[in-house]
Amino acid sequence: MDHNFPVRAFKDDLYRQFARIGKCLSSDKRLELMHLLSQGPKSVEKLAEATEMSVANVSRHLQILLDANLVKYSKRGTYVIYCLAGPHIEGFLNALWRMSETQLADITRVKNDFLSQCEDVQTLSLNEVLRKMDEGSMILLDVRPADEFEAGHIPGAISVPMEELHLYLQSLPKETPIAAYCRGPYCVAAAEAVEKLQREGFTAFRVEEGVYEWREFQAQR
């Protein structure tokens, strides 16, 4: 190697670029926005509604994510629709969630504190649910919004958005156990859906995994 090559400058420039991503992800709100976008494309207005932020704040965070090439957008009529810049970013996010839970005991504590409030909610593994579905002995509900179901879902699942669950109760058979999933391990909607189903006399179970975990499961088979 040419000893006149500016090695230090090269390393400084390289790690400065890596740090752009780290700085971009240092906001809890931006992480939540990216998690939502990992479920499917969304308008600024939909993201504002889901995060309980103002449209102006969401737009500001999205611009920062856009500058780091973590998201991209398209126009659909008068709406600007955002999505993750590529599937590898979804993989990165899920790796971040898992690493964080391994390294930070507070994450497990927060998750367990929430689940402890759902005393009667039992969890089944995705593998067990898929086996029971193959046997015809279980129904799987996807309680995410309909647009996320359309963007991608576990085959055989029925789209029953959480806010519409009460409308479907009369059409669901009480003699067949029901499992519900949402946006993955840190989503609360599946547990809330199971509690509601149980109050109505259904045998229901929470599935911790979501669509990303199902894709991983399929890739390993």
Protein backbone atom coordinates (compact mmCIF):
# COMPACT_ATOMS: atom_id res chain seq x y z
CA MET A 1 0.00 0.00 0.00
CA ASP A 2 1.13 3.50 -0.78
CA HIS A 3 2.23 4.90 2.57
CA ASN A 4 1.21 8.34 1.36
CA PHE A 5 -2.39 7.15 1.10
CA PRO A 6 -4.44 9.12 3.67
CA VAL A 7 -5.57 6.11 5.71
CA ARG A 8 -6.77 8.16 8.65
CA ALA A 9 -8.84 10.41 6.43
CA PHE A 10 -10.31 7.35 4.71
CA LYS A 11 -11.34 5.79 8.03
CA ASP A 12 -12.73 9.07 9.34
CA ASP A 13 -14.83 9.56 6.21
CA LEU A 14 -16.03 5.95 6.25
CA TYR A 15 -17.15 5.89 9.88
CA ARG A 16 -18.67 9.34 9.54
CA GLN A 17 -20.94 7.92 6.86
CA PHE A 18 -21.83 4.92 9.02
CA ALA A 19 -22.65 7.33 11.85
CA ARG A 20 -25.25 9.03 9.65
CA ILE A 21 -27.44 5.96 10.02
CA GLY A 22 -26.80 5.77 13.77
CA LYS A 23 -27.73 9.43 14.25
CA CYS A 24 -30.85 8.97 12.16
CA LEU A 25 -31.96 6.04 14.32
CA SER A 26 -31.33 7.83 17.62
CA SER A 27 -34.98 8.94 17.76
CA ASP A 28 -37.61 6.64 19.27
CA LYS A 29 -40.22 8.26 17.01
CA ARG A 30 -38.26 7.50 13.86
CA LEU A 31 -37.82 3.89 14.96
CA GLU A 32 -41.58 3.61 15.44
CA LEU A 33 -42.21 5.12 12.00
CA MET A 34 -39.83 2.62 10.41
CA HIS A 35 -41.49 -0.26 12.25
CA LEU A 36 -44.87 0.85 10.88
CA LEU A 37 -43.45 1.16 7.38
CA SER A 38 -42.01 -2.36 7.66
CA GLN A 39 -45.65 -3.52 7.67
CA GLY A 40 -46.43 -1.78 4.37
CA PRO A 41 -46.51 1.62 2.62
CA LYS A 42 -48.35 4.43 4.39
CA SER A 43 -49.31 8.03 3.87
CA VAL A 44 -48.05 10.76 6.17
CA GLU A 45 -51.58 11.10 7.51
CA LYS A 46 -51.83 7.38 8.35
CA LEU A 47 -48.47 7.50 10.10
CA ALA A 48 -49.55 10.54 12.10
CA GLU A 49 -52.72 8.76 13.19
CA ALA A 50 -50.88 5.58 14.18
CA THR A 51 -48.18 7.39 16.18
CA GLU A 52 -50.42 10.15 17.62
CA MET A 53 -48.01 12.74 16.26
CA SER A 54 -48.87 15.79 14.21
CA VAL A 55 -48.53 15.59 10.43
CA ALA A 56 -45.82 18.26 10.67
CA ASN A 57 -43.75 16.21 13.13
CA VAL A 58 -44.13 13.03 11.09
CA SER A 59 -43.05 14.89 7.95
CA ARG A 60 -39.98 16.23 9.74
CA HIS A 61 -38.94 12.76 10.90
CA LEU A 62 -39.58 11.28 7.46
CA GLN A 63 -37.37 13.91 5.87
CA ILE A 64 -34.50 12.85 8.15
CA LEU A 65 -35.08 9.19 7.23
CA LEU A 66 -35.23 10.19 3.57
CA ASP A 67 -31.93 12.05 3.79
CA ALA A 68 -30.31 8.84 5.11
CA ASN A 69 -31.91 6.80 2.28
CA LEU A 70 -33.79 4.63 4.77
CA VAL A 71 -37.19 5.40 3.26
CA LYS A 72 -38.50 6.41 -0.13
CA TYR A 73 -41.78 7.84 -1.34
CA SER A 74 -44.17 7.95 -4.26
CA LYS A 75 -47.25 10.00 -5.02
CA ARG A 76 -50.73 8.54 -5.19
CA GLY A 77 -53.11 11.29 -6.22
CA THR A 78 -52.79 14.03 -3.63
CA TYR A 79 -51.16 11.69 -1.08
CA VAL A 80 -47.45 11.09 -0.52
CA ILE A 81 -46.88 7.42 0.28
CA TYR A 82 -43.76 6.34 2.16
CA CYS A 83 -42.16 2.90 2.44
CA LEU A 84 -38.85 1.44 3.53
CA ALA A 85 -36.10 1.91 0.95
CA GLY A 86 -35.56 -1.86 0.65
CA PRO A 87 -36.26 -5.24 2.28
CA HIS A 88 -32.77 -5.31 3.82
CA ILE A 89 -33.83 -2.45 6.08
CA GLU A 90 -36.64 -4.54 7.53
CA GLY A 91 -34.07 -7.23 8.29
CA PHE A 92 -31.84 -4.65 9.96
CA LEU A 93 -34.73 -3.40 12.11
CA ASN A 94 -35.60 -6.89 13.29
CA ALA A 95 -31.95 -7.58 14.07
CA LEU A 96 -31.90 -4.34 16.08
CA TRP A 97 -35.00 -5.37 18.07
CA ARG A 98 -33.47 -8.75 18.91
CA MET A 99 -30.06 -7.37 19.81
CA SER A 100 -31.65 -4.70 21.97
CA GLU A 101 -33.75 -7.24 23.85
CA THR A 102 -30.64 -9.37 24.43
CA GLN A 103 -28.50 -6.46 25.62
CA LEU A 104 -31.07 -4.35 27.46
CA ALA A 105 -32.92 -6.06 30.29
CA ASP A 106 -35.38 -3.15 30.45
CA ILE A 107 -36.94 -4.25 27.16
CA THR A 108 -37.85 -7.66 28.52
CA ARG A 109 -39.13 -6.01 31.69
CA VAL A 110 -41.35 -3.58 29.76
CA LYS A 111 -42.73 -6.38 27.60
CA ASN A 112 -43.35 -8.66 30.57
CA ASP A 113 -44.99 -5.84 32.55
CA PHE A 114 -47.49 -5.37 29.74
CA LEU A 115 -48.18 -9.08 29.26
CA SER A 116 -48.65 -9.53 33.01
CA GLN A 117 -51.71 -7.29 32.73
CA CYS A 118 -53.17 -9.83 30.29
CA GLU A 119 -53.30 -12.62 32.86
CA ASP A 120 -55.46 -15.04 30.90
CA VAL A 121 -53.79 -14.52 27.52
CA GLN A 122 -51.84 -17.59 26.44
CA THR A 123 -49.26 -17.56 23.64
CA LEU A 124 -48.79 -20.21 20.97
CA SER A 125 -45.74 -20.44 18.73
CA LEU A 126 -46.18 -19.70 15.06
CA ASN A 127 -45.02 -23.23 14.23
CA GLU A 128 -47.77 -24.72 16.39
CA VAL A 129 -50.42 -22.44 14.92
CA LEU A 130 -49.41 -23.30 11.36
CA ARG A 131 -49.59 -27.01 12.18
CA LYS A 132 -53.08 -26.62 13.65
CA MET A 133 -54.18 -24.59 10.63
CA ASP A 134 -52.98 -27.38 8.33
CA GLU A 135 -55.10 -29.78 10.39
CA GLY A 136 -58.10 -27.47 10.09
CA SER A 137 -58.34 -27.16 13.87
CA MET A 138 -57.49 -23.44 14.27
CA ILE A 139 -58.41 -20.10 12.70
CA LEU A 140 -55.73 -17.40 12.40
CA LEU A 141 -56.71 -13.73 12.52
CA ASP A 142 -54.54 -10.87 11.28
CA VAL A 143 -55.65 -7.91 13.40
CA ARG A 144 -53.48 -5.31 11.68
CA PRO A 145 -55.08 -2.63 9.48
CA ALA A 146 -56.40 -3.91 6.14
CA ASP A 147 -53.71 -2.11 4.10
CA GLU A 148 -50.98 -3.96 6.02
CA PHE A 149 -52.72 -7.27 5.39
CA GLU A 150 -52.83 -6.46 1.68
CA ALA A 151 -49.11 -5.58 1.70
CA GLY A 152 -48.27 -9.04 3.07
CA HIS A 153 -49.72 -11.62 5.44
CA ILE A 154 -49.40 -15.18 6.67
CA PRO A 155 -51.20 -17.44 4.14
CA GLY A 156 -54.53 -18.68 5.43
CA ALA A 157 -54.96 -15.79 7.86
CA ILE A 158 -58.21 -13.82 7.86
CA SER A 159 -58.01 -10.03 7.89
CA VAL A 160 -59.94 -8.73 10.90
CA PRO A 161 -58.61 -5.25 11.77
CA MET A 162 -58.63 -4.66 15.51
CA GLU A 163 -61.07 -1.75 15.26
CA GLU A 164 -63.52 -3.97 13.35
CA LEU A 165 -63.21 -7.09 15.50
CA HIS A 166 -66.59 -6.56 17.15
CA LEU A 167 -68.26 -6.70 13.72
CA TYR A 168 -66.84 -10.18 13.05
CA LEU A 169 -67.70 -11.81 16.36
CA GLN A 170 -71.05 -13.15 15.16
CA SER A 171 -69.48 -14.80 12.12
CA LEU A 172 -66.60 -16.54 13.94
CA PRO A 173 -67.28 -20.14 15.05
CA LYS A 174 -66.96 -20.54 18.82
CA GLU A 175 -66.22 -24.26 18.56
CA THR A 176 -62.90 -23.64 16.75
CA PRO A 177 -59.91 -22.16 18.63
CA ILE A 178 -58.68 -18.83 17.29
CA ALA A 179 -55.16 -17.39 17.19
CA ALA A 180 -54.37 -13.72 16.53
CA TYR A 181 -51.21 -11.99 15.37
CA CYS A 182 -50.29 -8.39 14.64
CA ARG A 183 -46.98 -6.60 13.98
CA GLY A 184 -44.67 -8.97 15.78
CA PRO A 185 -43.30 -9.44 19.31
CA TYR A 186 -43.76 -5.84 20.44
CA CYS A 187 -47.29 -5.27 19.16
CA VAL A 188 -50.08 -5.15 21.73
CA ALA A 189 -53.05 -5.57 19.40
CA ALA A 190 -52.94 -9.38 19.33
CA ALA A 191 -53.14 -9.59 23.14
CA GLU A 192 -56.00 -7.07 23.18
CA ALA A 193 -57.84 -9.06 20.50
CA VAL A 194 -57.43 -12.31 22.46
CA GLU A 195 -58.80 -10.69 25.62
CA LYS A 196 -61.85 -9.45 23.72
CA LEU A 197 -62.42 -12.86 22.10
CA GLN A 198 -62.15 -14.61 25.46
CA ARG A 199 -64.70 -12.25 27.01
CA GLU A 200 -67.08 -13.25 24.21
CA GLY A 201 -66.63 -16.95 24.97
CA PHE A 202 -64.04 -17.89 22.36
CA THR A 203 -60.97 -20.03 22.96
CA ALA A 204 -58.24 -17.69 21.74
CA PHE A 205 -54.44 -17.48 21.75
CA ARG A 206 -51.89 -14.80 21.03
CA VAL A 207 -49.17 -15.38 18.42
CA GLU A 208 -46.02 -13.40 19.22
CA GLU A 209 -44.55 -13.68 15.72
CA GLY A 210 -45.65 -11.62 12.73
CA VAL A 211 -45.20 -11.67 8.96
CA TYR A 212 -41.43 -11.11 9.10
CA GLU A 213 -40.96 -14.07 11.42
CA TRP A 214 -43.19 -16.19 9.16
CA ARG A 215 -40.95 -15.33 6.20
CA GLU A 216 -37.90 -16.34 8.23
CA PHE A 217 -39.62 -19.59 9.18
CA GLN A 218 -40.37 -20.33 5.54
CA ALA A 219 -36.78 -19.61 4.50
CA GLN A 220 -35.48 -22.16 7.00
CA ARG A 221 -37.75 -24.98 5.85
